[in-house]
Amino acid sequence: MSHAASGCKYTGIDRDYSIEDLAAFHGHLGPFIVLGYRMGRYVREHFCSDPFQMNAVVFCKGVPPQSCLADGIQIGSGCTLGKRNIDIVPSDDMRCQFSCGERMMLLTPRPISFPPSGGDDYSLLIEKLAEDMYHMPDAVLFDASLSAAGMSQE
C-alpha cells in the first residue's frame, strides 16, 4: 500500500524545511546535513515522491562529519532509519544511491570548499558555509544520474 493510500494527513513530507529546522533536528547546522537535505529533496522532486517506495544508501566514511549526510537525506527524502529504508555503507567515495522499483538514481556531491581549520571562528565559518549551501543551485552541490536498479554503484 502506498503511503498516500493509507490516509495519513500528518506527513509533512512535501514541506520545505528551513535552516533552523535542519539545525533543530541535527543539533547544529553543518554542510553535510544541508547537502543531504538538498539531495533528498532533489530525489523526491525528480525521481520518486513516495518515501515508502524508495530506498537510500549513503556511501561515506561512516563517521561524522560525512555521516551527517544521512540525517539530511532522512529529512529531505523521507527515507528513515525507523522505516529501515536507509543505510550507511562505509566508503572512501561519498555518494547516495536511491532506488525505486527497477530504477536507480545516483547523486555524487561536488567538492566542498571548507574554510581553513584551526581558527577561533571556525565553527562560525562552517555554519556560514552551510547557510550558503542551503541556497546554492543543485548543480553546484551534486551531480545526478539515472540507471537500472540492478546496477549497484559500489
Protein backbone atom coordinates (compact mmCIF):
# COMPACT_ATOMS: atom_id res chain seq x y z
CA MET A 1 0.00 0.00 0.00
CA SER A 2 1.36 3.39 -0.88
CA HIS A 3 1.58 5.99 1.82
CA ALA A 4 -0.90 8.24 0.01
CA ALA A 5 -3.42 5.40 0.04
CA SER A 6 -3.02 4.94 3.80
CA GLY A 7 -4.92 8.17 4.54
CA CYS A 8 -2.36 9.72 6.91
CA LYS A 9 -2.60 13.50 6.70
CA TYR A 10 0.30 14.38 9.02
CA THR A 11 3.28 13.51 6.88
CA GLY A 12 4.80 16.96 6.28
CA ILE A 13 6.92 15.31 3.61
CA ASP A 14 6.17 17.97 1.00
CA ARG A 15 7.12 20.72 3.40
CA ASP A 16 10.30 22.67 2.81
CA TYR A 17 12.47 22.59 5.91
CA SER A 18 14.30 25.73 6.96
CA ILE A 19 17.89 26.06 8.07
CA GLU A 20 16.54 26.32 11.62
CA ASP A 21 14.58 23.07 11.17
CA LEU A 22 17.69 21.25 9.98
CA ALA A 23 19.74 22.55 12.91
CA ALA A 24 16.98 21.62 15.38
CA PHE A 25 16.83 18.05 14.05
CA HIS A 26 20.59 17.56 13.83
CA GLY A 27 21.76 19.56 16.86
CA HIS A 28 23.70 22.15 14.84
CA LEU A 29 23.94 23.41 11.27
CA GLY A 30 26.70 21.91 9.17
CA PRO A 31 27.47 21.44 5.48
CA PHE A 32 26.71 17.72 5.37
CA ILE A 33 23.19 17.88 6.79
CA VAL A 34 22.41 20.67 4.32
CA LEU A 35 23.92 18.70 1.44
CA GLY A 36 21.96 15.59 2.43
CA TYR A 37 18.74 17.54 2.76
CA ARG A 38 19.17 19.12 -0.66
CA MET A 39 19.98 15.73 -2.21
CA GLY A 40 16.93 14.15 -0.56
CA ARG A 41 14.64 16.93 -1.79
CA TYR A 42 16.05 16.60 -5.29
CA VAL A 43 15.32 12.87 -5.33
CA ARG A 44 11.75 13.40 -4.12
CA GLU A 45 11.14 16.06 -6.78
CA HIS A 46 12.89 14.36 -9.72
CA PHE A 47 12.87 10.62 -9.01
CA CYS A 48 10.34 9.25 -6.51
CA SER A 49 7.92 11.21 -4.36
CA ASP A 50 6.84 8.27 -2.16
CA PRO A 51 9.29 7.58 0.70
CA PHE A 52 7.58 4.23 1.31
CA GLN A 53 8.57 3.03 -2.19
CA MET A 54 12.14 4.33 -2.11
CA ASN A 55 15.39 3.11 -0.52
CA ALA A 56 18.55 5.10 0.12
CA VAL A 57 22.14 4.01 0.58
CA VAL A 58 24.57 6.65 1.82
CA PHE A 59 28.17 5.87 0.93
CA CYS A 60 30.59 7.88 3.08
CA LYS A 61 33.38 7.44 5.60
CA GLY A 62 30.71 6.27 8.07
CA VAL A 63 31.68 8.76 10.78
CA PRO A 64 30.99 12.47 11.34
CA PRO A 65 31.07 14.83 9.65
CA GLN A 66 30.39 12.83 6.46
CA SER A 67 27.83 10.55 8.11
CA CYS A 68 25.77 13.67 8.91
CA LEU A 69 24.77 13.44 5.26
CA ALA A 70 22.37 10.66 6.32
CA ASP A 71 20.44 12.98 8.65
CA GLY A 72 19.82 15.38 5.78
CA ILE A 73 18.85 12.51 3.46
CA GLN A 74 16.24 11.42 6.02
CA ILE A 75 14.62 14.85 6.25
CA GLY A 76 14.78 15.56 2.52
CA SER A 77 13.81 12.18 1.06
CA GLY A 78 11.65 10.66 3.78
CA CYS A 79 13.81 7.50 3.83
CA THR A 80 14.34 6.89 7.55
CA LEU A 81 16.03 4.58 9.99
CA GLY A 82 12.66 3.73 11.51
CA LYS A 83 11.26 2.55 8.18
CA ARG A 84 14.56 0.72 7.57
CA ASN A 85 14.84 2.15 4.07
CA ILE A 86 18.16 3.95 4.54
CA ASP A 87 21.61 2.50 5.15
CA ILE A 88 25.10 3.91 5.60
CA VAL A 89 27.88 1.98 3.87
CA PRO A 90 31.47 2.91 4.78
CA SER A 91 33.29 4.12 1.68
CA ASP A 92 36.09 6.49 0.74
CA ASP A 93 33.92 7.83 -2.09
CA MET A 94 30.91 9.84 -0.92
CA ARG A 95 27.65 9.33 -2.84
CA CYS A 96 24.00 8.48 -2.32
CA GLN A 97 22.18 5.77 -4.21
CA PHE A 98 18.38 5.79 -4.31
CA SER A 99 16.23 3.01 -5.71
CA CYS A 100 12.54 2.79 -6.52
CA GLY A 101 11.31 -0.30 -8.31
CA GLU A 102 13.65 -1.03 -11.20
CA ARG A 103 15.09 2.48 -11.31
CA MET A 104 18.06 3.94 -9.50
CA MET A 105 19.35 7.49 -9.07
CA LEU A 106 22.91 8.18 -8.03
CA LEU A 107 23.85 11.55 -6.53
CA THR A 108 27.50 12.42 -6.17
CA PRO A 109 28.49 15.50 -4.17
CA ARG A 110 30.75 18.04 -5.78
CA PRO A 111 33.80 19.11 -3.77
CA ILE A 112 33.07 21.43 -0.85
CA SER A 113 35.40 24.38 -0.25
CA PHE A 114 35.83 24.24 3.52
CA PRO A 115 37.33 27.21 5.38
CA PRO A 116 40.80 26.77 6.86
CA SER A 117 40.55 24.95 10.19
CA GLY A 118 42.13 25.94 13.45
CA GLY A 119 40.87 29.47 13.93
CA ASP A 120 38.66 30.59 16.80
CA ASP A 121 35.87 31.36 14.36
CA TYR A 122 35.99 28.00 12.52
CA SER A 123 32.57 26.82 13.77
CA LEU A 124 31.01 30.12 12.66
CA LEU A 125 32.64 29.78 9.24
CA ILE A 126 31.32 26.21 8.93
CA GLU A 127 27.83 27.39 9.84
CA LYS A 128 28.08 30.20 7.26
CA LEU A 129 29.20 27.67 4.63
CA ALA A 130 26.17 25.51 5.45
CA GLU A 131 23.86 28.53 5.17
CA ASP A 132 25.36 29.39 1.78
CA MET A 133 24.98 25.78 0.59
CA TYR A 134 21.31 25.78 1.55
CA HIS A 135 20.72 28.46 -1.12
CA MET A 136 23.04 27.14 -3.88
CA PRO A 137 21.71 25.57 -7.08
CA ASP A 138 21.55 21.75 -7.05
CA ALA A 139 24.09 21.52 -9.90
CA VAL A 140 26.68 23.34 -7.77
CA LEU A 141 26.19 20.88 -4.90
CA PHE A 142 25.95 17.49 -6.65
CA ASP A 143 25.70 15.53 -9.89
CA ALA A 144 22.74 13.22 -10.57
CA SER A 145 22.36 10.24 -12.89
CA LEU A 146 19.65 7.62 -13.54
CA SER A 147 20.21 3.93 -14.26
CA ALA A 148 18.67 0.48 -13.76
CA ALA A 149 18.30 -0.53 -10.08
CA GLY A 150 20.17 -3.82 -10.56
CA MET A 151 23.38 -1.96 -11.33
CA SER A 152 24.83 -1.19 -7.89
CA GLN A 153 27.35 1.63 -7.78
CA GLU A 154 29.57 0.06 -5.10
